[in-house]
PDB file of N, CA and C in Angstrom:
ATOM      1  N   MET A   1       0.846  -1.169   0.000  1.00  0.00           N
ATOM      2  CA  MET A   1       0.000   0.000   0.000  1.00  0.00           C
ATOM      3  C   MET A   1       0.888   1.228   0.000  1.00  0.00           C
ATOM      4  N   HIS A   2       0.546   2.207  -0.781  1.00  0.00           N
ATOM      5  CA  HIS A   2       1.298   3.446  -0.852  1.00  0.00           C
ATOM      6  C   HIS A   2       0.504   4.553  -0.185  1.00  0.00           C
ATOM      7  N   ASN A   3       1.196   5.367   0.576  1.00  0.00           N
ATOM      8  CA  ASN A   3       0.565   6.509   1.215  1.00  0.00           C
ATOM      9  C   ASN A   3       1.185   7.764   0.636  1.00  0.00           C
ATOM     10  N   HIS A   4       0.413   8.525  -0.066  1.00  0.00           N
ATOM     11  CA  HIS A   4       0.899   9.724  -0.719  1.00  0.00           C
ATOM     12  C   HIS A   4       0.390  10.957   0.012  1.00  0.00           C
ATOM     13  N   GLY A   5       1.249  11.549   0.847  1.00  0.00           N
ATOM     14  CA  GLY A   5       0.889  12.790   1.514  1.00  0.00           C
ATOM     15  C   GLY A   5      -0.208  12.675   2.545  1.00  0.00           C
ATOM     16  N   THR A   6      -0.450  11.485   3.031  1.00  0.00           N
ATOM     17  CA  THR A   6      -1.513  11.281   4.009  1.00  0.00           C
ATOM     18  C   THR A   6      -0.901  10.753   5.294  1.00  0.00           C
ATOM     19  N   ALA A   7      -1.285  11.341   6.403  1.00  0.00           N
ATOM     20  CA  ALA A   7      -0.795  10.852   7.695  1.00  0.00           C
ATOM     21  C   ALA A   7      -1.403   9.492   7.969  1.00  0.00           C
ATOM     22  N   VAL A   8      -0.592   8.569   8.400  1.00  0.00           N
ATOM     23  CA  VAL A   8      -1.055   7.225   8.729  1.00  0.00           C
ATOM     24  C   VAL A   8      -0.838   7.019  10.216  1.00  0.00           C
ATOM     25  N   LEU A   9      -1.905   6.669  10.918  1.00  0.00           N
ATOM     26  CA  LEU A   9      -1.824   6.440  12.358  1.00  0.00           C
ATOM     27  C   LEU A   9      -1.122   5.124  12.632  1.00  0.00           C
ATOM     28  N   ASP A  10      -0.408   5.055  13.740  1.00  0.00           N
ATOM     29  CA  ASP A  10       0.179   3.786  14.158  1.00  0.00           C
ATOM     30  C   ASP A  10      -0.943   2.805  14.408  1.00  0.00           C
ATOM     31  N   ARG A  11      -0.719   1.573  14.015  1.00  0.00           N
ATOM     32  CA  ARG A  11      -1.743   0.554  14.195  1.00  0.00           C
ATOM     33  C   ARG A  11      -1.401  -0.320  15.388  1.00  0.00           C
ATOM     34  N   PRO A  12      -2.221  -0.302  16.407  1.00  0.00           N
ATOM     35  CA  PRO A  12      -1.957  -1.213  17.525  1.00  0.00           C
ATOM     36  C   PRO A  12      -2.202  -2.642  17.059  1.00  0.00           C
ATOM     37  N   GLU A  13      -1.224  -3.483  17.205  1.00  0.00           N
ATOM     38  CA  GLU A  13      -1.320  -4.851  16.687  1.00  0.00           C
ATOM     39  C   GLU A  13      -2.404  -5.671  17.375  1.00  0.00           C
ATOM     40  N   ALA A  14      -2.708  -5.372  18.636  1.00  0.00           N
ATOM     41  CA  ALA A  14      -3.687  -6.170  19.369  1.00  0.00           C
ATOM     42  C   ALA A  14      -5.119  -5.674  19.187  1.00  0.00           C
ATOM     43  N   ALA A  15      -5.314  -4.603  18.446  1.00  0.00           N
ATOM     44  CA  ALA A  15      -6.653  -4.046  18.285  1.00  0.00           C
ATOM     45  C   ALA A  15      -7.537  -4.997  17.483  1.00  0.00           C
ATOM     46  N   PRO A  16      -8.777  -5.189  17.931  1.00  0.00           N
ATOM     47  CA  PRO A  16      -9.691  -6.034  17.160  1.00  0.00           C
ATOM     48  C   PRO A  16      -9.981  -5.394  15.806  1.00  0.00           C
ATOM     49  N   THR A  17     -10.114  -6.223  14.806  1.00  0.00           N
ATOM     50  CA  THR A  17     -10.399  -5.747  13.464  1.00  0.00           C
ATOM     51  C   THR A  17     -11.669  -6.428  12.978  1.00  0.00           C
ATOM     52  N   SER A  18     -12.496  -5.652  12.307  1.00  0.00           N
ATOM     53  CA  SER A  18     -13.757  -6.206  11.807  1.00  0.00           C
ATOM     54  C   SER A  18     -13.491  -7.164  10.662  1.00  0.00           C
ATOM     55  N   PRO A  19     -14.417  -8.082  10.425  1.00  0.00           N
ATOM     56  CA  PRO A  19     -14.324  -8.883   9.207  1.00  0.00           C
ATOM     57  C   PRO A  19     -14.605  -7.976   8.014  1.00  0.00           C
ATOM     58  N   VAL A  20     -14.283  -8.451   6.832  1.00  0.00           N
ATOM     59  CA  VAL A  20     -14.574  -7.675   5.634  1.00  0.00           C
ATOM     60  C   VAL A  20     -16.083  -7.676   5.434  1.00  0.00           C
ATOM     61  N   ILE A  21     -16.656  -6.484   5.356  1.00  0.00           N
ATOM     62  CA  ILE A  21     -18.086  -6.316   5.157  1.00  0.00           C
ATOM     63  C   ILE A  21     -18.281  -6.038   3.679  1.00  0.00           C
ATOM     64  N   THR A  22     -18.981  -6.927   2.988  1.00  0.00           N
ATOM     65  CA  THR A  22     -19.056  -6.824   1.532  1.00  0.00           C
ATOM     66  C   THR A  22     -20.478  -6.616   1.027  1.00  0.00           C
ATOM     67  N   ALA A  23     -20.528  -6.175  -0.231  1.00  0.00           N
ATOM     68  CA  ALA A  23     -21.821  -6.060  -0.910  1.00  0.00           C
ATOM     69  C   ALA A  23     -22.419  -7.454  -1.025  1.00  0.00           C
ATOM     70  N   GLY A  24     -23.692  -7.513  -1.130  1.00  0.00           N
ATOM     71  CA  GLY A  24     -24.378  -8.792  -1.204  1.00  0.00           C
ATOM     72  C   GLY A  24     -24.969  -9.159   0.132  1.00  0.00           C
ATOM     73  N   THR A  25     -24.146  -9.191   1.158  1.00  0.00           N
ATOM     74  CA  THR A  25     -24.627  -9.507   2.491  1.00  0.00           C
ATOM     75  C   THR A  25     -25.112  -8.256   3.202  1.00  0.00           C
ATOM     76  N   TRP A  26     -24.322  -7.172   3.110  1.00  0.00           N
ATOM     77  CA  TRP A  26     -24.614  -5.978   3.895  1.00  0.00           C
ATOM     78  C   TRP A  26     -25.051  -4.785   3.080  1.00  0.00           C
ATOM     79  N   PHE A  27     -24.649  -4.721   1.828  1.00  0.00           N
ATOM     80  CA  PHE A  27     -24.986  -3.572   0.993  1.00  0.00           C
ATOM     81  C   PHE A  27     -25.492  -4.058  -0.352  1.00  0.00           C
ATOM     82  N   GLU A  28     -26.382  -3.298  -0.947  1.00  0.00           N
ATOM     83  CA  GLU A  28     -26.841  -3.585  -2.301  1.00  0.00           C
ATOM     84  C   GLU A  28     -25.740  -3.184  -3.270  1.00  0.00           C
ATOM     85  N   ALA A  29     -25.325  -4.092  -4.139  1.00  0.00           N
ATOM     86  CA  ALA A  29     -24.292  -3.769  -5.122  1.00  0.00           C
ATOM     87  C   ALA A  29     -24.873  -2.891  -6.225  1.00  0.00           C
ATOM     88  N   GLY A  30     -26.098  -3.135  -6.612  1.00  0.00           N
ATOM     89  CA  GLY A  30     -26.794  -2.286  -7.575  1.00  0.00           C
ATOM     90  C   GLY A  30     -26.074  -2.090  -8.893  1.00  0.00           C
ATOM     91  N   GLY A  31     -25.355  -3.084  -9.356  1.00  0.00           N
ATOM     92  CA  GLY A  31     -24.670  -2.964 -10.631  1.00  0.00           C
ATOM     93  C   GLY A  31     -23.435  -2.084 -10.590  1.00  0.00           C
ATOM     94  N   ARG A  32     -23.037  -1.661  -9.396  1.00  0.00           N
ATOM     95  CA  ARG A  32     -21.833  -0.826  -9.267  1.00  0.00           C
ATOM     96  C   ARG A  32     -20.620  -1.752  -9.190  1.00  0.00           C
ATOM     97  N   PRO A  33     -19.690  -1.614 -10.118  1.00  0.00           N
ATOM     98  CA  PRO A  33     -18.594  -2.584 -10.208  1.00  0.00           C
ATOM     99  C   PRO A  33     -17.412  -2.322  -9.278  1.00  0.00           C
ATOM    100  N   LEU A  34     -17.343  -1.185  -8.624  1.00  0.00           N
ATOM    101  CA  LEU A  34     -16.180  -0.859  -7.805  1.00  0.00           C
ATOM    102  C   LEU A  34     -16.479  -1.021  -6.323  1.00  0.00           C
ATOM    103  N   THR A  35     -15.455  -1.350  -5.575  1.00  0.00           N
ATOM    104  CA  THR A  35     -15.591  -1.527  -4.140  1.00  0.00           C
ATOM    105  C   THR A  35     -14.596  -0.634  -3.432  1.00  0.00           C
ATOM    106  N   LEU A  36     -15.060   0.140  -2.491  1.00  0.00           N
ATOM    107  CA  LEU A  36     -14.219   0.985  -1.662  1.00  0.00           C
ATOM    108  C   LEU A  36     -13.975   0.265  -0.350  1.00  0.00           C
ATOM    109  N   ARG A  37     -12.726   0.072  -0.017  1.00  0.00           N
ATOM    110  CA  ARG A  37     -12.391  -0.533   1.264  1.00  0.00           C
ATOM    111  C   ARG A  37     -11.581   0.474   2.045  1.00  0.00           C
ATOM    112  N   MET A  38     -11.905   0.594   3.304  1.00  0.00           N
ATOM    113  CA  MET A  38     -11.184   1.549   4.127  1.00  0.00           C
ATOM    114  C   MET A  38     -11.041   1.021   5.535  1.00  0.00           C
ATOM    115  N   GLU A  39     -10.058   1.532   6.213  1.00  0.00           N
ATOM    116  CA  GLU A  39      -9.852   1.191   7.611  1.00  0.00           C
ATOM    117  C   GLU A  39     -10.158   2.440   8.411  1.00  0.00           C
ATOM    118  N   LEU A  40     -11.061   2.311   9.359  1.00  0.00           N
ATOM    119  CA  LEU A  40     -11.495   3.451  10.141  1.00  0.00           C
ATOM    120  C   LEU A  40     -11.437   3.082  11.617  1.00  0.00           C
ATOM    121  N   PRO A  41     -10.536   3.699  12.361  1.00  0.00           N
ATOM    122  CA  PRO A  41     -10.458   3.376  13.791  1.00  0.00           C
ATOM    123  C   PRO A  41     -11.735   3.808  14.521  1.00  0.00           C
ATOM    124  N   LEU A  42     -12.301   2.892  15.272  1.00  0.00           N
ATOM    125  CA  LEU A  42     -13.507   3.178  16.052  1.00  0.00           C
ATOM    126  C   LEU A  42     -13.247   2.799  17.500  1.00  0.00           C
ATOM    127  N   SER A  43     -13.832   3.545  18.386  1.00  0.00           N
ATOM    128  CA  SER A  43     -13.804   3.158  19.796  1.00  0.00           C
ATOM    129  C   SER A  43     -15.037   2.296  20.072  1.00  0.00           C
ATOM    130  N   ALA A  44     -14.979   1.578  21.174  1.00  0.00           N
ATOM    131  CA  ALA A  44     -16.153   0.808  21.588  1.00  0.00           C
ATOM    132  C   ALA A  44     -17.335   1.737  21.819  1.00  0.00           C
ATOM    133  N   GLU A  45     -17.063   2.930  22.340  1.00  0.00           N
ATOM    134  CA  GLU A  45     -18.134   3.896  22.594  1.00  0.00           C
ATOM    135  C   GLU A  45     -18.838   4.314  21.305  1.00  0.00           C
ATOM    136  N   LEU A  46     -18.068   4.473  20.221  1.00  0.00           N
ATOM    137  CA  LEU A  46     -18.688   4.825  18.937  1.00  0.00           C
ATOM    138  C   LEU A  46     -19.514   3.668  18.396  1.00  0.00           C
ATOM    139  N   MET A  47     -19.026   2.443  18.588  1.00  0.00           N
ATOM    140  CA  MET A  47     -19.798   1.277  18.146  1.00  0.00           C
ATOM    141  C   MET A  47     -21.112   1.192  18.917  1.00  0.00           C
ATOM    142  N   VAL A  48     -21.030   1.407  20.225  1.00  0.00           N
ATOM    143  CA  VAL A  48     -22.233   1.384  21.067  1.00  0.00           C
ATOM    144  C   VAL A  48     -23.202   2.474  20.623  1.00  0.00           C
ATOM    145  N   ALA A  49     -22.694   3.668  20.400  1.00  0.00           N
ATOM    146  CA  ALA A  49     -23.552   4.779  19.973  1.00  0.00           C
ATOM    147  C   ALA A  49     -24.244   4.451  18.659  1.00  0.00           C
ATOM    148  N   ALA A  50     -23.514   3.844  17.737  1.00  0.00           N
ATOM    149  CA  ALA A  50     -24.109   3.483  16.445  1.00  0.00           C
ATOM    150  C   ALA A  50     -25.263   2.501  16.646  1.00  0.00           C
ATOM    151  N   LEU A  51     -25.015   1.444  17.381  1.00  0.00           N
ATOM    152  CA  LEU A  51     -26.045   0.418  17.563  1.00  0.00           C
ATOM    153  C   LEU A  51     -27.227   0.941  18.377  1.00  0.00           C
ATOM    154  N   TYR A  52     -26.946   1.729  19.405  1.00  0.00           N
ATOM    155  CA  TYR A  52     -28.016   2.274  20.234  1.00  0.00           C
ATOM    156  C   TYR A  52     -28.892   3.235  19.439  1.00  0.00           C
ATOM    157  N   SER A  53     -28.291   3.953  18.504  1.00  0.00           N
ATOM    158  CA  SER A  53     -29.022   4.990  17.774  1.00  0.00           C
ATOM    159  C   SER A  53     -29.982   4.452  16.718  1.00  0.00           C
ATOM    160  N   ASP A  54     -29.796   3.202  16.319  1.00  0.00           N
ATOM    161  CA  ASP A  54     -30.633   2.653  15.250  1.00  0.00           C
ATOM    162  C   ASP A  54     -31.843   1.960  15.851  1.00  0.00           C
ATOM    163  N   GLU A  55     -33.008   2.514  15.610  1.00  0.00           N
ATOM    164  CA  GLU A  55     -34.239   1.982  16.204  1.00  0.00           C
ATOM    165  C   GLU A  55     -34.808   0.786  15.461  1.00  0.00           C
ATOM    166  N   THR A  56     -34.174   0.396  14.351  1.00  0.00           N
ATOM    167  CA  THR A  56     -34.716  -0.713  13.571  1.00  0.00           C
ATOM    168  C   THR A  56     -34.083  -2.051  13.913  1.00  0.00           C
ATOM    169  N   ILE A  57     -32.898  -2.056  14.521  1.00  0.00           N
ATOM    170  CA  ILE A  57     -32.264  -3.335  14.819  1.00  0.00           C
ATOM    171  C   ILE A  57     -32.742  -3.872  16.160  1.00  0.00           C
ATOM    172  N   GLN A  58     -32.652  -5.195  16.260  1.00  0.00           N
ATOM    173  CA  GLN A  58     -33.079  -5.899  17.467  1.00  0.00           C
ATOM    174  C   GLN A  58     -31.971  -6.848  17.883  1.00  0.00           C
ATOM    175  N   ALA A  59     -32.120  -7.460  19.031  1.00  0.00           N
ATOM    176  CA  ALA A  59     -31.114  -8.386  19.544  1.00  0.00           C
ATOM    177  C   ALA A  59     -30.792  -9.485  18.535  1.00  0.00           C
ATOM    178  N   ASP A  60     -31.804  -9.984  17.833  1.00  0.00           N
ATOM    179  CA  ASP A  60     -31.581 -11.046  16.845  1.00  0.00           C
ATOM    180  C   ASP A  60     -30.728 -10.584  15.665  1.00  0.00           C
ATOM    181  N   ASP A  61     -30.577  -9.276  15.484  1.00  0.00           N
ATOM    182  CA  ASP A  61     -29.747  -8.743  14.412  1.00  0.00           C
ATOM    183  C   ASP A  61     -28.279  -8.667  14.818  1.00  0.00           C
ATOM    184  N   LEU A  62     -27.972  -9.025  16.058  1.00  0.00           N
ATOM    185  CA  LEU A  62     -26.607  -8.908  16.576  1.00  0.00           C
ATOM    186  C   LEU A  62     -26.101 -10.240  17.125  1.00  0.00           C
ATOM    187  N   LEU A  63     -26.504 -11.340  16.515  1.00  0.00           N
ATOM    188  CA  LEU A  63     -26.160 -12.660  17.045  1.00  0.00           C
ATOM    189  C   LEU A  63     -24.686 -13.001  16.889  1.00  0.00           C
ATOM    190  N   THR A  64     -24.082 -12.644  15.760  1.00  0.00           N
ATOM    191  CA  THR A  64     -22.680 -12.994  15.520  1.00  0.00           C
ATOM    192  C   THR A  64     -21.808 -11.738  15.534  1.00  0.00           C
ATOM    193  N   ALA A  65     -20.506 -11.951  15.613  1.00  0.00           N
ATOM    194  CA  ALA A  65     -19.573 -10.818  15.550  1.00  0.00           C
ATOM    195  C   ALA A  65     -19.731 -10.086  14.223  1.00  0.00           C
ATOM    196  N   GLU A  66     -19.885 -10.834  13.135  1.00  0.00           N
ATOM    197  CA  GLU A  66     -20.070 -10.193  11.830  1.00  0.00           C
ATOM    198  C   GLU A  66     -21.341  -9.350  11.812  1.00  0.00           C
ATOM    199  N   ASP A  67     -22.388  -9.829  12.476  1.00  0.00           N
ATOM    200  CA  ASP A  67     -23.626  -9.048  12.562  1.00  0.00           C
ATOM    201  C   ASP A  67     -23.379  -7.703  13.241  1.00  0.00           C
ATOM    202  N   VAL A  68     -22.640  -7.726  14.347  1.00  0.00           N
ATOM    203  CA  VAL A  68     -22.363  -6.494  15.086  1.00  0.00           C
ATOM    204  C   VAL A  68     -21.546  -5.547  14.208  1.00  0.00           C
ATOM    205  N   TRP A  69     -20.446  -6.039  13.637  1.00  0.00           N
ATOM    206  CA  TRP A  69     -19.599  -5.200  12.791  1.00  0.00           C
ATOM    207  C   TRP A  69     -20.370  -4.698  11.570  1.00  0.00           C
ATOM    208  N   GLY A  70     -21.162  -5.569  10.962  1.00  0.00           N
ATOM    209  CA  GLY A  70     -21.919  -5.173   9.775  1.00  0.00           C
ATOM    210  C   GLY A  70     -22.946  -4.097  10.075  1.00  0.00           C
ATOM    211  N   GLN A  71     -23.654  -4.247  11.184  1.00  0.00           N
ATOM    212  CA  GLN A  71     -24.632  -3.221  11.568  1.00  0.00           C
ATOM    213  C   GLN A  71     -23.934  -1.890  11.824  1.00  0.00           C
ATOM    214  N   VAL A  72     -22.800  -1.935  12.519  1.00  0.00           N
ATOM    215  CA  VAL A  72     -22.047  -0.705  12.790  1.00  0.00           C
ATOM    216  C   VAL A  72     -21.618  -0.066  11.475  1.00  0.00           C
ATOM    217  N   ALA A  73     -21.115  -0.861  10.542  1.00  0.00           N
ATOM    218  CA  ALA A  73     -20.675  -0.320   9.244  1.00  0.00           C
ATOM    219  C   ALA A  73     -21.832   0.342   8.502  1.00  0.00           C
ATOM    220  N   CYS A  74     -22.991  -0.302   8.495  1.00  0.00           N
ATOM    221  CA  CYS A  74     -24.155   0.268   7.810  1.00  0.00           C
ATOM    222  C   CYS A  74     -24.600   1.576   8.464  1.00  0.00           C
ATOM    223  N   ILE A  75     -24.660   1.588   9.782  1.00  0.00           N
ATOM    224  CA  ILE A  75     -25.109   2.783  10.502  1.00  0.00           C
ATOM    225  C   ILE A  75     -24.109   3.918  10.324  1.00  0.00           C
ATOM    226  N   LEU A  76     -22.827   3.599  10.408  1.00  0.00           N
ATOM    227  CA  LEU A  76     -21.795   4.615  10.206  1.00  0.00           C
ATOM    228  C   LEU A  76     -21.873   5.198   8.803  1.00  0.00           C
ATOM    229  N   THR A  77     -22.092   4.363   7.826  1.00  0.00           N
ATOM    230  CA  THR A  77     -22.230   4.832   6.446  1.00  0.00           C
ATOM    231  C   THR A  77     -23.436   5.744   6.302  1.00  0.00           C
ATOM    232  N   ASP A  78     -24.514   5.399   6.971  1.00  0.00           N
ATOM    233  CA  ASP A  78     -25.749   6.173   6.876  1.00  0.00           C
ATOM    234  C   ASP A  78     -25.676   7.490   7.661  1.00  0.00           C
ATOM    235  N   LYS A  79     -25.204   7.430   8.898  1.00  0.00           N
ATOM    236  CA  LYS A  79     -25.267   8.602   9.784  1.00  0.00           C
ATOM    237  C   LYS A  79     -24.011   9.461   9.754  1.00  0.00           C
ATOM    238  N   GLY A  80     -22.878   8.848   9.514  1.00  0.00           N
ATOM    239  CA  GLY A  80     -21.618   9.588   9.508  1.00  0.00           C
ATOM    240  C   GLY A  80     -20.967   9.641  10.873  1.00  0.00           C
ATOM    241  N   MET A  81     -19.666   9.836  10.830  1.00  0.00           N
ATOM    242  CA  MET A  81     -18.864   9.834  12.048  1.00  0.00           C
ATOM    243  C   MET A  81     -19.233  10.988  12.980  1.00  0.00           C
ATOM    244  N   ALA A  82     -19.466  12.169  12.439  1.00  0.00           N
ATOM    245  CA  ALA A  82     -19.757  13.336  13.285  1.00  0.00           C
ATOM    246  C   ALA A  82     -21.003  13.107  14.139  1.00  0.00           C
ATOM    247  N   GLU A  83     -22.045  12.564  13.543  1.00  0.00           N
ATOM    248  CA  GLU A  83     -23.277  12.315  14.302  1.00  0.00           C
ATOM    249  C   GLU A  83     -23.050  11.270  15.390  1.00  0.00           C
ATOM    250  N   LEU A  84     -22.295  10.219  15.063  1.00  0.00           N
ATOM    251  CA  LEU A  84     -22.045   9.182  16.062  1.00  0.00           C
ATOM    252  C   LEU A  84     -21.152   9.692  17.195  1.00  0.00           C
ATOM    253  N   GLU A  85     -20.199  10.566  16.872  1.00  0.00           N
ATOM    254  CA  GLU A  85     -19.366  11.152  17.929  1.00  0.00           C
ATOM    255  C   GLU A  85     -20.202  12.002  18.873  1.00  0.00           C
ATOM    256  N   GLN A  86     -21.145  12.746  18.333  1.00  0.00           N
ATOM    257  CA  GLN A  86     -22.037  13.559  19.180  1.00  0.00           C
ATOM    258  C   GLN A  86     -22.873  12.672  20.092  1.00  0.00           C
ATOM    259  N   LEU A  87     -23.421  11.608  19.524  1.00  0.00           N
ATOM    260  CA  LEU A  87     -24.242  10.695  20.316  1.00  0.00           C
ATOM    261  C   LEU A  87     -23.404   9.987  21.377  1.00  0.00           C
ATOM    262  N   ALA A  88     -22.198   9.568  21.021  1.00  0.00           N
ATOM    263  CA  ALA A  88     -21.328   8.891  21.990  1.00  0.00           C
ATOM    264  C   ALA A  88     -20.995   9.817  23.160  1.00  0.00           C
ATOM    265  N   ALA A  89     -20.864  11.105  22.887  1.00  0.00           N
ATOM    266  CA  ALA A  89     -20.589  12.071  23.954  1.00  0.00           C
ATOM    267  C   ALA A  89     -21.835  12.342  24.792  1.00  0.00           C
ATOM    268  N   MET A  90     -22.998  12.255  24.180  1.00  0.00           N
ATOM    269  CA  MET A  90     -24.253  12.576  24.847  1.00  0.00           C
ATOM    270  C   MET A  90     -24.785  11.404  25.699  1.00  0.00           C
ATOM    271  N   LEU A  91     -24.532  10.172  25.295  1.00  0.00           N
ATOM    272  CA  LEU A  91     -25.088   9.013  26.001  1.00  0.00           C
ATOM    273  C   LEU A  91     -24.720   8.960  27.484  1.00  0.00           C
ATOM    274  N   PRO A  92     -23.463   9.159  27.859  1.00  0.00           N
ATOM    275  CA  PRO A  92     -23.154   9.115  29.302  1.00  0.00           C
ATOM    276  C   PRO A  92     -23.890  10.189  30.103  1.00  0.00           C
ATOM    277  N   ARG A  93     -24.065  11.367  29.509  1.00  0.00           N
ATOM    278  CA  ARG A  93     -24.802  12.430  30.220  1.00  0.00           C
ATOM    279  C   ARG A  93     -26.265  12.041  30.390  1.00  0.00           C
ATOM    280  N   GLN A  94     -26.872  11.508  29.328  1.00  0.00           N
ATOM    281  CA  GLN A  94     -28.272  11.076  29.427  1.00  0.00           C
ATOM    282  C   GLN A  94     -28.414   9.953  30.447  1.00  0.00           C
ATOM    283  N   GLU A  95     -27.472   9.043  30.446  1.00  0.00           N
ATOM    284  CA  GLU A  95     -27.521   7.914  31.378  1.00  0.00           C
ATOM    285  C   GLU A  95     -27.393   8.407  32.822  1.00  0.00           C
ATOM    286  N   LYS A  96     -26.477   9.335  33.059  1.00  0.00           N
ATOM    287  CA  LYS A  96     -26.271   9.873  34.398  1.00  0.00           C
ATOM    288  C   LYS A  96     -27.522  10.570  34.921  1.00  0.00           C
ATOM    289  N   ARG A  97     -28.241  11.235  34.024  1.00  0.00           N
ATOM    290  CA  ARG A  97     -29.458  11.963  34.413  1.00  0.00           C
ATOM    291  C   ARG A  97     -30.705  11.083  34.403  1.00  0.00           C
ATOM    292  N   GLY A  98     -30.561   9.820  34.032  1.00  0.00           N
ATOM    293  CA  GLY A  98     -31.704   8.924  33.967  1.00  0.00           C
ATOM    294  C   GLY A  98     -32.647   9.236  32.821  1.00  0.00           C
ATOM    295  N   ARG A  99     -32.122   9.760  31.723  1.00  0.00           N
ATOM    296  CA  ARG A  99     -32.964  10.182  30.600  1.00  0.00           C
ATOM    297  C   ARG A  99     -32.793   9.329  29.354  1.00  0.00           C
ATOM    298  N   LEU A 100     -32.332   8.123  29.509  1.00  0.00           N
ATOM    299  CA  LEU A 100     -32.211   7.229  28.354  1.00  0.00           C
ATOM    300  C   LEU A 100     -33.580   6.718  27.944  1.00  0.00           C
ATOM    301  N   ASP A 101     -33.799   6.625  26.659  1.00  0.00           N
ATOM    302  CA  ASP A 101     -35.058   6.072  26.167  1.00  0.00           C
ATOM    303  C   ASP A 101     -35.124   4.558  26.371  1.00  0.00           C
ATOM    304  N   ALA A 102     -33.960   3.894  26.279  1.00  0.00           N
ATOM    305  CA  ALA A 102     -33.945   2.429  26.359  1.00  0.00           C
ATOM    306  C   ALA A 102     -32.692   1.950  27.100  1.00  0.00           C
ATOM    307  N   PRO A 103     -32.677   2.072  28.428  1.00  0.00           N
ATOM    308  CA  PRO A 103     -31.483   1.676  29.186  1.00  0.00           C
ATOM    309  C   PRO A 103     -31.137   0.187  29.053  1.00  0.00           C
ATOM    310  N   ASP A 104     -32.138  -0.664  28.946  1.00  0.00           N
ATOM    311  CA  ASP A 104     -31.872  -2.098  28.784  1.00  0.00           C
ATOM    312  C   ASP A 104     -31.214  -2.376  27.443  1.00  0.00           C
ATOM    313  N   TRP A 105     -31.653  -1.677  26.410  1.00  0.00           N
ATOM    314  CA  TRP A 105     -31.055  -1.839  25.081  1.00  0.00           C
ATOM    315  C   TRP A 105     -29.601  -1.352  25.113  1.00  0.00           C
ATOM    316  N   LEU A 106     -29.333  -0.255  25.778  1.00  0.00           N
ATOM    317  CA  LEU A 106     -27.960   0.254  25.882  1.00  0.00           C
ATOM    318  C   LEU A 106     -27.080  -0.775  26.582  1.00  0.00           C
ATOM    319  N   ALA A 107     -27.567  -1.369  27.652  1.00  0.00           N
ATOM    320  CA  ALA A 107     -26.790  -2.385  28.370  1.00  0.00           C
ATOM    321  C   ALA A 107     -26.510  -3.586  27.469  1.00  0.00           C
ATOM    322  N   PHE A 108     -27.506  -4.014  26.713  1.00  0.00           N
ATOM    323  CA  PHE A 108     -27.329  -5.147  25.807  1.00  0.00           C
ATOM    324  C   PHE A 108     -26.302  -4.817  24.725  1.00  0.00           C
ATOM    325  N   VAL A 109     -26.416  -3.646  24.135  1.00  0.00           N
ATOM    326  CA  VAL A 109     -25.502  -3.233  23.075  1.00  0.00           C
ATOM    327  C   VAL A 109     -24.071  -3.147  23.613  1.00  0.00           C
ATOM    328  N   ARG A 110     -23.904  -2.600  24.792  1.00  0.00           N
ATOM    329  CA  ARG A 110     -22.570  -2.531  25.409  1.00  0.00           C
ATOM    330  C   ARG A 110     -21.992  -3.930  25.597  1.00  0.00           C
ATOM    331  N   GLN A 111     -22.838  -4.843  26.059  1.00  0.00           N
ATOM    332  CA  GLN A 111     -22.387  -6.222  26.268  1.00  0.00           C
ATOM    333  C   GLN A 111     -21.939  -6.852  24.954  1.00  0.00           C
ATOM    334  N   ARG A 112     -22.726  -6.700  23.897  1.00  0.00           N
ATOM    335  CA  ARG A 112     -22.373  -7.297  22.599  1.00  0.00           C
ATOM    336  C   ARG A 112     -21.089  -6.683  22.044  1.00  0.00           C
ATOM    337  N   VAL A 113     -20.935  -5.371  22.151  1.00  0.00           N
ATOM    338  CA  VAL A 113     -19.716  -4.735  21.665  1.00  0.00           C
ATOM    339  C   VAL A 113     -18.512  -5.229  22.458  1.00  0.00           C
ATOM    340  N   ALA A 114     -18.643  -5.349  23.768  1.00  0.00           N
ATOM    341  CA  ALA A 114     -17.542  -5.856  24.598  1.00  0.00           C
ATOM    342  C   ALA A 114     -17.180  -7.290  24.207  1.00  0.00           C
ATOM    343  N   GLU A 115     -18.181  -8.115  23.944  1.00  0.00           N
ATOM    344  CA  GLU A 115     -17.926  -9.493  23.538  1.00  0.00           C
ATOM    345  C   GLU A 115     -17.196  -9.552  22.204  1.00  0.00           C
ATOM    346  N   VAL A 116     -17.606  -8.719  21.278  1.00  0.00           N
ATOM    347  CA  VAL A 116     -17.042  -8.725  19.931  1.00  0.00           C
ATOM    348  C   VAL A 116     -15.629  -8.141  19.900  1.00  0.00           C
ATOM    349  N   THR A 117     -15.395  -7.120  20.701  1.00  0.00           N
ATOM    350  CA  THR A 117     -14.097  -6.459  20.675  1.00  0.00           C
ATOM    351  C   THR A 117     -13.121  -7.013  21.712  1.00  0.00           C
ATOM    352  N   GLY A 118     -13.620  -7.850  22.611  1.00  0.00           N
ATOM    353  CA  GLY A 118     -12.757  -8.432  23.622  1.00  0.00           C
ATOM    354  C   GLY A 118     -12.410  -7.477  24.750  1.00  0.00           C
ATOM    355  N   GLY A 119     -13.252  -6.463  24.931  1.00  0.00           N
ATOM    356  CA  GLY A 119     -12.972  -5.490  25.988  1.00  0.00           C
ATOM    357  C   GLY A 119     -14.248  -4.944  26.572  1.00  0.00           C
ATOM    358  N   ALA A 120     -14.095  -3.983  27.403  1.00  0.00           N
ATOM    359  CA  ALA A 120     -15.249  -3.334  28.012  1.00  0.00           C
ATOM    360  C   ALA A 120     -15.752  -2.229  27.101  1.00  0.00           C
ATOM    361  N   ALA A 121     -17.053  -2.083  27.044  1.00  0.00           N
ATOM    362  CA  ALA A 121     -17.651  -1.024  26.211  1.00  0.00           C
ATOM    363  C   ALA A 121     -18.263   0.017  27.096  1.00  0.00           C
TER     364      ALA A 121
END
């Protein structure tokens, strides 16, 4: 891989990495012949914020590690990093004030992210 004028962050070797999320399973290919692959560092908090923010997914949508990573990839693509960063910053404040819409769902999502990433969420 060549890096032309772009800063490249050091990669922690022990960091969990998502499986390759491809068209067909997670995205409609729609006759588009090109595939964009990118590496985007995410914190567990951003993954939790992504999953918590999507009102359409359910526990059955997060059964496997690929399911968790795939849902996060879809939500990130749809909402964007800036929105998820805002939500990740807002969730602890809402939780502290007892103003979460779905505290049980947040706990479940945190548990699944921790299981998938091998750490605490």
